[in-house]
Amino acid sequence: MNRRQSIAVIVVVLAMVFSLLYACKRAFHLFKTYPDGYLDGKRQLVELLVEAIIPETDTPGARSAGVATFVIDKVKQFLTKNEATGFYMGLEEVDALGVKKFGKSFSVCSLEQREQVLTVMETREWERGSLPFRIKRKLFGRSFIDILKTFTVEGYCTSKSGCVDGLAYDPVPVHYVPCIDLKPGQHSWATK
């Protein structure tokens, strides 16, 4: 065997070992059971997470729009067991990452520090569309950060304060206009 073949074999073996370790870690957590009220006990953490994604500025933030309740209900009712377990693991990982990076719990961190923790979690994900991303998504479901961002934006855009105050809202659109130009500084349309 020449040097190139040896290096190729070593790389393949290392990739298999790391894949096996990751799969074992995930399998261990898949069999871990979480109590029914687990998310209700993590409500404050979920509120801080959604507020870090859509913070309050001149428009209401996700926390004041009640998005945490929406996210918790969606996780309880609409996620598969794999995805829900991944979400619970993500909540635990957020706290652990806050302690590791800043020496304090995520709930005590400042808004900038919370955004840094979420950025780190997002950069850990594989590039969308890549083969490892598709394999991981097929085996374990969507990632924690993907679920959290999707449910946060969906909950904010369907809440009353998000729709009326955060977006441009026309309660009675008189006629359908398929393409509307936004004026400078105008919010996106809630009704199109």
Protein backbone atom coordinates (compact mmCIF):
# COMPACT_ATOMS: atom_id res chain seq x y z
CA MET A 1 0.00 0.00 0.00
CA ASN A 2 1.40 3.39 -0.94
CA ARG A 3 1.22 6.61 1.04
CA ARG A 4 -1.92 7.98 -0.65
CA GLN A 5 -3.87 4.83 -0.01
CA SER A 6 -2.72 4.81 3.62
CA ILE A 7 -3.85 8.40 4.15
CA ALA A 8 -7.19 7.67 2.49
CA VAL A 9 -7.74 4.66 4.74
CA ILE A 10 -6.82 6.67 7.85
CA VAL A 11 -9.22 9.48 6.88
CA VAL A 12 -12.07 7.03 6.23
CA VAL A 13 -11.46 5.21 9.53
CA LEU A 14 -11.37 8.50 11.48
CA ALA A 15 -14.58 9.67 9.80
CA MET A 16 -16.26 6.39 10.70
CA VAL A 17 -15.09 6.63 14.33
CA PHE A 18 -16.35 10.21 14.71
CA SER A 19 -19.65 9.30 13.04
CA LEU A 20 -20.05 6.33 15.36
CA LEU A 21 -19.32 8.46 18.43
CA TYR A 22 -21.84 11.09 17.33
CA ALA A 23 -24.46 8.44 16.59
CA CYS A 24 -23.90 6.84 20.01
CA LYS A 25 -24.28 10.21 21.72
CA ARG A 26 -27.52 10.89 19.85
CA ALA A 27 -28.83 7.37 20.46
CA PHE A 28 -28.16 7.75 24.19
CA HIS A 29 -30.21 10.95 24.26
CA LEU A 30 -32.99 9.49 22.11
CA PHE A 31 -33.67 6.92 24.80
CA LYS A 32 -33.56 9.53 27.53
CA THR A 33 -37.08 10.38 28.63
CA TYR A 34 -38.17 13.88 29.48
CA PRO A 35 -41.14 14.51 31.79
CA ASP A 36 -44.34 15.91 30.31
CA GLY A 37 -43.92 19.32 31.93
CA TYR A 38 -40.27 19.68 30.93
CA LEU A 39 -40.86 22.57 28.54
CA ASP A 40 -43.12 24.37 31.00
CA GLY A 41 -40.20 24.41 33.41
CA LYS A 42 -37.99 25.87 30.67
CA ARG A 43 -40.43 28.65 29.73
CA GLN A 44 -38.09 31.43 30.90
CA LEU A 45 -35.23 30.00 28.82
CA VAL A 46 -37.46 29.76 25.74
CA GLU A 47 -38.59 33.37 26.30
CA LEU A 48 -34.97 34.53 26.40
CA LEU A 49 -34.15 32.54 23.26
CA VAL A 50 -37.02 33.98 21.22
CA GLU A 51 -36.19 37.47 22.49
CA ALA A 52 -32.60 37.01 21.30
CA ILE A 53 -33.91 36.11 17.83
CA ILE A 54 -36.45 38.97 17.57
CA PRO A 55 -35.46 41.61 20.15
CA GLU A 56 -37.66 44.49 21.18
CA THR A 57 -36.78 47.75 19.42
CA ASP A 58 -39.28 50.38 18.31
CA THR A 59 -41.53 47.41 17.54
CA PRO A 60 -42.50 44.75 20.09
CA GLY A 61 -40.15 41.82 20.49
CA ALA A 62 -40.95 38.13 20.43
CA ARG A 63 -41.13 37.93 24.22
CA SER A 64 -43.80 40.63 24.53
CA ALA A 65 -45.71 39.05 21.62
CA GLY A 66 -46.05 35.79 23.57
CA VAL A 67 -44.05 33.73 21.10
CA ALA A 68 -42.60 31.45 23.82
CA THR A 69 -46.03 29.93 24.44
CA PHE A 70 -46.44 29.37 20.71
CA VAL A 71 -43.03 27.67 20.45
CA ILE A 72 -43.70 25.42 23.46
CA ASP A 73 -47.10 24.38 22.11
CA LYS A 74 -45.69 23.66 18.64
CA VAL A 75 -42.87 21.55 20.09
CA LYS A 76 -45.30 19.56 22.24
CA GLN A 77 -47.90 18.98 19.54
CA PHE A 78 -46.23 18.95 16.14
CA LEU A 79 -42.68 17.61 16.40
CA THR A 80 -41.72 13.97 16.02
CA LYS A 81 -40.10 12.26 18.99
CA ASN A 82 -36.64 12.62 17.42
CA GLU A 83 -37.09 16.33 16.76
CA ALA A 84 -38.61 17.00 20.20
CA THR A 85 -35.73 15.17 21.87
CA GLY A 86 -33.29 17.19 19.76
CA PHE A 87 -35.05 20.36 20.88
CA TYR A 88 -34.77 19.37 24.55
CA MET A 89 -31.10 18.55 24.04
CA GLY A 90 -30.65 21.95 22.39
CA LEU A 91 -32.12 23.69 25.44
CA GLU A 92 -29.64 21.87 27.66
CA GLU A 93 -26.82 22.69 25.25
CA VAL A 94 -27.67 26.41 25.27
CA ASP A 95 -27.24 26.56 29.04
CA ALA A 96 -24.04 24.50 28.91
CA LEU A 97 -22.61 26.69 26.15
CA GLY A 98 -23.38 29.85 28.13
CA VAL A 99 -21.52 28.46 31.12
CA LYS A 100 -18.62 27.27 28.98
CA LYS A 101 -18.25 30.49 26.98
CA PHE A 102 -19.08 33.15 29.58
CA GLY A 103 -18.96 31.34 32.93
CA LYS A 104 -22.64 31.97 33.66
CA SER A 105 -26.01 30.55 32.76
CA PHE A 106 -27.70 31.63 29.53
CA SER A 107 -30.48 33.36 31.47
CA VAL A 108 -27.94 35.62 33.23
CA CYS A 109 -26.06 36.55 30.03
CA SER A 110 -26.58 39.91 28.33
CA LEU A 111 -28.43 40.14 25.00
CA GLU A 112 -25.15 40.36 23.05
CA GLN A 113 -23.82 37.27 24.82
CA ARG A 114 -27.05 35.37 24.10
CA GLU A 115 -26.75 36.29 20.43
CA GLN A 116 -23.15 35.01 20.45
CA VAL A 117 -24.28 31.68 21.94
CA LEU A 118 -26.96 31.31 19.26
CA THR A 119 -24.44 32.23 16.56
CA VAL A 120 -22.08 29.53 17.82
CA MET A 121 -24.90 26.98 17.75
CA GLU A 122 -25.83 28.01 14.23
CA THR A 123 -22.26 27.81 12.93
CA ARG A 124 -21.99 24.26 14.27
CA GLU A 125 -24.61 23.16 11.77
CA TRP A 126 -23.58 21.70 8.44
CA GLU A 127 -24.01 23.88 5.37
CA ARG A 128 -27.58 23.59 4.07
CA GLY A 129 -27.93 21.26 1.12
CA SER A 130 -24.65 19.45 1.75
CA LEU A 131 -24.65 15.66 1.98
CA PRO A 132 -23.84 15.51 5.73
CA PHE A 133 -26.64 18.03 6.42
CA ARG A 134 -29.18 15.93 4.51
CA ILE A 135 -28.07 12.70 6.20
CA LYS A 136 -28.24 14.24 9.67
CA ARG A 137 -31.64 15.76 8.96
CA LYS A 138 -32.98 12.46 7.63
CA LEU A 139 -31.73 10.46 10.62
CA PHE A 140 -32.32 12.89 13.49
CA GLY A 141 -34.78 15.47 12.16
CA ARG A 142 -34.32 19.22 12.04
CA SER A 143 -31.76 20.83 14.30
CA PHE A 144 -32.60 22.76 17.45
CA ILE A 145 -31.65 26.14 16.03
CA ASP A 146 -33.62 25.52 12.82
CA ILE A 147 -36.76 24.58 14.76
CA LEU A 148 -36.36 27.50 17.16
CA LYS A 149 -35.89 30.11 14.41
CA THR A 150 -38.74 28.73 12.30
CA PHE A 151 -41.24 28.63 15.17
CA THR A 152 -40.14 32.04 16.47
CA VAL A 153 -40.67 33.80 13.15
CA GLU A 154 -43.92 31.95 12.53
CA GLY A 155 -45.22 32.78 16.01
CA TYR A 156 -44.19 36.42 15.78
CA CYS A 157 -45.71 37.00 12.37
CA THR A 158 -49.02 35.39 13.41
CA SER A 159 -49.29 37.16 16.78
CA LYS A 160 -51.42 40.27 17.06
CA SER A 161 -48.65 42.59 18.23
CA GLY A 162 -46.20 41.21 15.66
CA CYS A 163 -48.69 41.48 12.83
CA VAL A 164 -50.09 44.92 13.68
CA ASP A 165 -47.06 46.67 15.21
CA GLY A 166 -44.11 44.78 13.72
CA LEU A 167 -45.37 44.49 10.15
CA ALA A 168 -47.29 46.83 7.85
CA TYR A 169 -50.89 45.78 8.41
CA ASP A 170 -53.93 46.58 6.28
CA PRO A 171 -56.98 45.11 8.03
CA VAL A 172 -59.18 45.24 4.92
CA PRO A 173 -57.18 44.95 1.72
CA VAL A 174 -59.62 46.28 -0.86
CA HIS A 175 -58.05 44.69 -3.91
CA TYR A 176 -55.29 42.24 -4.66
CA VAL A 177 -51.99 43.72 -5.75
CA PRO A 178 -49.44 40.97 -6.43
CA CYS A 179 -46.32 43.14 -6.17
CA ILE A 180 -46.12 46.16 -3.89
CA ASP A 181 -43.00 48.28 -3.64
CA LEU A 182 -41.90 49.10 -0.12
CA LYS A 183 -41.23 52.72 0.74
CA PRO A 184 -37.94 53.52 2.52
CA GLY A 185 -38.24 52.56 6.20
CA GLN A 186 -41.52 50.68 5.71
CA HIS A 187 -42.07 47.30 7.40
CA SER A 188 -42.88 44.18 5.42
CA TRP A 189 -46.58 43.60 4.70
CA ALA A 190 -48.57 41.39 7.04
CA THR A 191 -51.39 41.09 4.50
CA LYS A 192 -50.45 40.75 0.87
